[in-house]
C-alpha atoms as a PDB file:
ATOM      1  CA  MET A   1     -23.795  10.011   1.411  1.00  0.00           C
ATOM      2  CA  ASP A   2     -21.571  12.258   3.759  1.00  0.00           C
ATOM      3  CA  SER A   3     -21.883   9.666   6.450  1.00  0.00           C
ATOM      4  CA  LYS A   4     -20.770   7.036   4.121  1.00  0.00           C
ATOM      5  CA  ILE A   5     -17.660   8.891   2.986  1.00  0.00           C
ATOM      6  CA  ALA A   6     -16.854   9.628   6.628  1.00  0.00           C
ATOM      7  CA  ARG A   7     -17.187   6.035   7.451  1.00  0.00           C
ATOM      8  CA  LEU A   8     -14.856   5.079   4.681  1.00  0.00           C
ATOM      9  CA  ARG A   9     -12.282   7.868   5.637  1.00  0.00           C
ATOM     10  CA  HIS A  10     -12.262   6.422   9.324  1.00  0.00           C
ATOM     11  CA  ARG A  11     -11.727   2.954   7.837  1.00  0.00           C
ATOM     12  CA  TYR A  12      -8.863   4.231   5.620  1.00  0.00           C
ATOM     13  CA  GLN A  13      -7.351   5.937   8.542  1.00  0.00           C
ATOM     14  CA  GLY A  14      -7.742   2.774  10.906  1.00  0.00           C
ATOM     15  CA  LEU A  15      -6.376   0.442   8.427  1.00  0.00           C
ATOM     16  CA  SER A  16      -3.294   2.857   7.786  1.00  0.00           C
ATOM     17  CA  ARG A  17      -2.667   2.765  11.283  1.00  0.00           C
ATOM     18  CA  VAL A  18      -2.648  -0.999  11.506  1.00  0.00           C
ATOM     19  CA  ALA A  19      -0.377  -1.035   8.667  1.00  0.00           C
ATOM     20  CA  ALA A  20       1.990   1.375  10.351  1.00  0.00           C
ATOM     21  CA  ALA A  21       1.952  -0.447  13.500  1.00  0.00           C
ATOM     22  CA  ILE A  22       2.992  -3.604  11.751  1.00  0.00           C
ATOM     23  CA  ASN A  23       5.738  -1.837   9.989  1.00  0.00           C
ATOM     24  CA  ASP A  24       7.002  -0.351  13.385  1.00  0.00           C
ATOM     25  CA  LEU A  25       7.573  -3.903  15.072  1.00  0.00           C
ATOM     26  CA  TYR A  26      11.179  -3.598  14.855  1.00  0.00           C
ATOM     27  CA  ILE A  27      11.075  -0.622  17.061  1.00  0.00           C
ATOM     28  CA  TYR A  28       9.714  -2.698  20.023  1.00  0.00           C
ATOM     29  CA  GLY A  29      12.221  -5.663  19.346  1.00  0.00           C
ATOM     30  CA  ILE A  30      10.112  -7.806  17.372  1.00  0.00           C
ATOM     31  CA  TYR A  31      12.167  -9.282  14.686  1.00  0.00           C
ATOM     32  CA  PRO A  32      11.890 -12.348  12.469  1.00  0.00           C
ATOM     33  CA  GLY A  33      14.631 -13.729  14.171  1.00  0.00           C
ATOM     34  CA  ASN A  34      13.167 -13.611  17.435  1.00  0.00           C
ATOM     35  CA  PHE A  35       9.572 -14.281  16.260  1.00  0.00           C
ATOM     36  CA  PRO A  36       9.651 -16.095  12.962  1.00  0.00           C
ATOM     37  CA  ILE A  37       6.014 -17.257  12.839  1.00  0.00           C
ATOM     38  CA  LEU A  38       4.637 -14.216  14.333  1.00  0.00           C
ATOM     39  CA  THR A  39       6.354 -11.762  11.726  1.00  0.00           C
ATOM     40  CA  ASN A  40       5.367 -14.054   9.113  1.00  0.00           C
ATOM     41  CA  GLU A  41       1.739 -14.152   9.831  1.00  0.00           C
ATOM     42  CA  LEU A  42       1.777 -10.269  10.400  1.00  0.00           C
ATOM     43  CA  GLU A  43       3.231  -9.701   7.106  1.00  0.00           C
ATOM     44  CA  LYS A  44       0.667 -11.772   5.476  1.00  0.00           C
ATOM     45  CA  ALA A  45      -1.739  -9.495   7.514  1.00  0.00           C
ATOM     46  CA  LYS A  46      -0.218  -6.416   6.380  1.00  0.00           C
ATOM     47  CA  ASP A  47      -0.622  -7.476   2.641  1.00  0.00           C
ATOM     48  CA  ILE A  48      -4.408  -8.086   3.353  1.00  0.00           C
ATOM     49  CA  VAL A  49      -4.594  -4.487   5.054  1.00  0.00           C
ATOM     50  CA  LYS A  50      -2.791  -3.168   1.890  1.00  0.00           C
ATOM     51  CA  GLU A  51      -5.493  -4.493  -0.274  1.00  0.00           C
ATOM     52  CA  ALA A  52      -8.276  -3.252   1.915  1.00  0.00           C
ATOM     53  CA  ILE A  53      -6.675   0.236   1.793  1.00  0.00           C
ATOM     54  CA  GLN A  54      -6.552   0.207  -1.889  1.00  0.00           C
ATOM     55  CA  GLU A  55     -10.244  -0.951  -2.131  1.00  0.00           C
ATOM     56  CA  THR A  56     -11.357   1.758   0.284  1.00  0.00           C
ATOM     57  CA  LYS A  57      -9.489   4.394  -1.401  1.00  0.00           C
ATOM     58  CA  LYS A  58     -11.135   3.376  -4.692  1.00  0.00           C
ATOM     59  CA  ASP A  59     -14.719   3.506  -2.944  1.00  0.00           C
ATOM     60  CA  ILE A  60     -13.886   6.956  -1.778  1.00  0.00           C
ATOM     61  CA  ALA A  61     -12.746   8.145  -4.924  1.00  0.00           C
ATOM     62  CA  ALA A  62     -15.876   6.629  -6.697  1.00  0.00           C
ATOM     63  CA  ILE A  63     -18.218   8.443  -4.207  1.00  0.00           C
ATOM     64  CA  GLU A  64     -16.330  11.623  -4.605  1.00  0.00           C
ATOM     65  CA  GLY A  65     -16.479  11.345  -8.560  1.00  0.00           C
ATOM     66  CA  PHE A  66     -12.738  11.182  -9.057  1.00  0.00           C
ATOM     67  CA  GLU A  67     -11.286   8.792 -11.342  1.00  0.00           C
ATOM     68  CA  PRO A  68      -8.819   6.332  -9.711  1.00  0.00           C
ATOM     69  CA  ALA A  69      -5.138   6.564 -10.604  1.00  0.00           C
ATOM     70  CA  ASP A  70      -3.626   3.876 -12.572  1.00  0.00           C
ATOM     71  CA  PRO A  71      -3.072   0.975 -10.241  1.00  0.00           C
ATOM     72  CA  GLU A  72       0.028  -0.196 -12.164  1.00  0.00           C
ATOM     73  CA  PRO A  73       2.875   2.237 -10.913  1.00  0.00           C
ATOM     74  CA  THR A  74       5.593   3.056 -13.427  1.00  0.00           C
ATOM     75  CA  ASP A  75       9.191   3.284 -12.944  1.00  0.00           C
ATOM     76  CA  PRO A  76      10.677   5.943 -14.836  1.00  0.00           C
ATOM     77  CA  LEU A  77      14.228   4.788 -14.243  1.00  0.00           C
ATOM     78  CA  LYS A  78      13.428   1.693 -16.125  1.00  0.00           C
ATOM     79  CA  SER A  79      11.901   3.481 -19.067  1.00  0.00           C
ATOM     80  CA  ASP A  80      14.850   5.999 -18.969  1.00  0.00           C
ATOM     81  CA  MET A  81      17.525   3.093 -18.999  1.00  0.00           C
ATOM     82  CA  LYS A  82      15.802   1.304 -21.946  1.00  0.00           C
ATOM     83  CA  ASN A  83      15.948   4.543 -23.824  1.00  0.00           C
ATOM     84  CA  ILE A  84      19.638   4.890 -22.992  1.00  0.00           C
ATOM     85  CA  LEU A  85      20.379   1.301 -23.894  1.00  0.00           C
ATOM     86  CA  ASP A  86      18.341   1.670 -27.179  1.00  0.00           C
ATOM     87  CA  ASN A  87      20.601   4.511 -28.265  1.00  0.00           C
ATOM     88  CA  TYR A  88      23.903   2.918 -27.519  1.00  0.00           C
ATOM     89  CA  ARG A  89      23.408  -0.520 -28.955  1.00  0.00           C
ATOM     90  CA  VAL A  90      25.967  -1.645 -31.466  1.00  0.00           C
END
């Protein structure tokens, strides 16, 4: 069990490093204007990596006995704005 958690944590760390490297491409002069096809494919790959990160996090949480957080993030500004608008309707 511990080796599986360790393996999943290493996977998570590696996937996170891949996503960070794709995000940092502009530092090395790789822009969509210079390499449109490459950056497009890398953005697709980053989306796949993000999905794999989420799955790995869920697997780790399930093994450790934690409940996964709500996958749908909420935007407090939208709900606050709705309340404000509801109060000021004519």
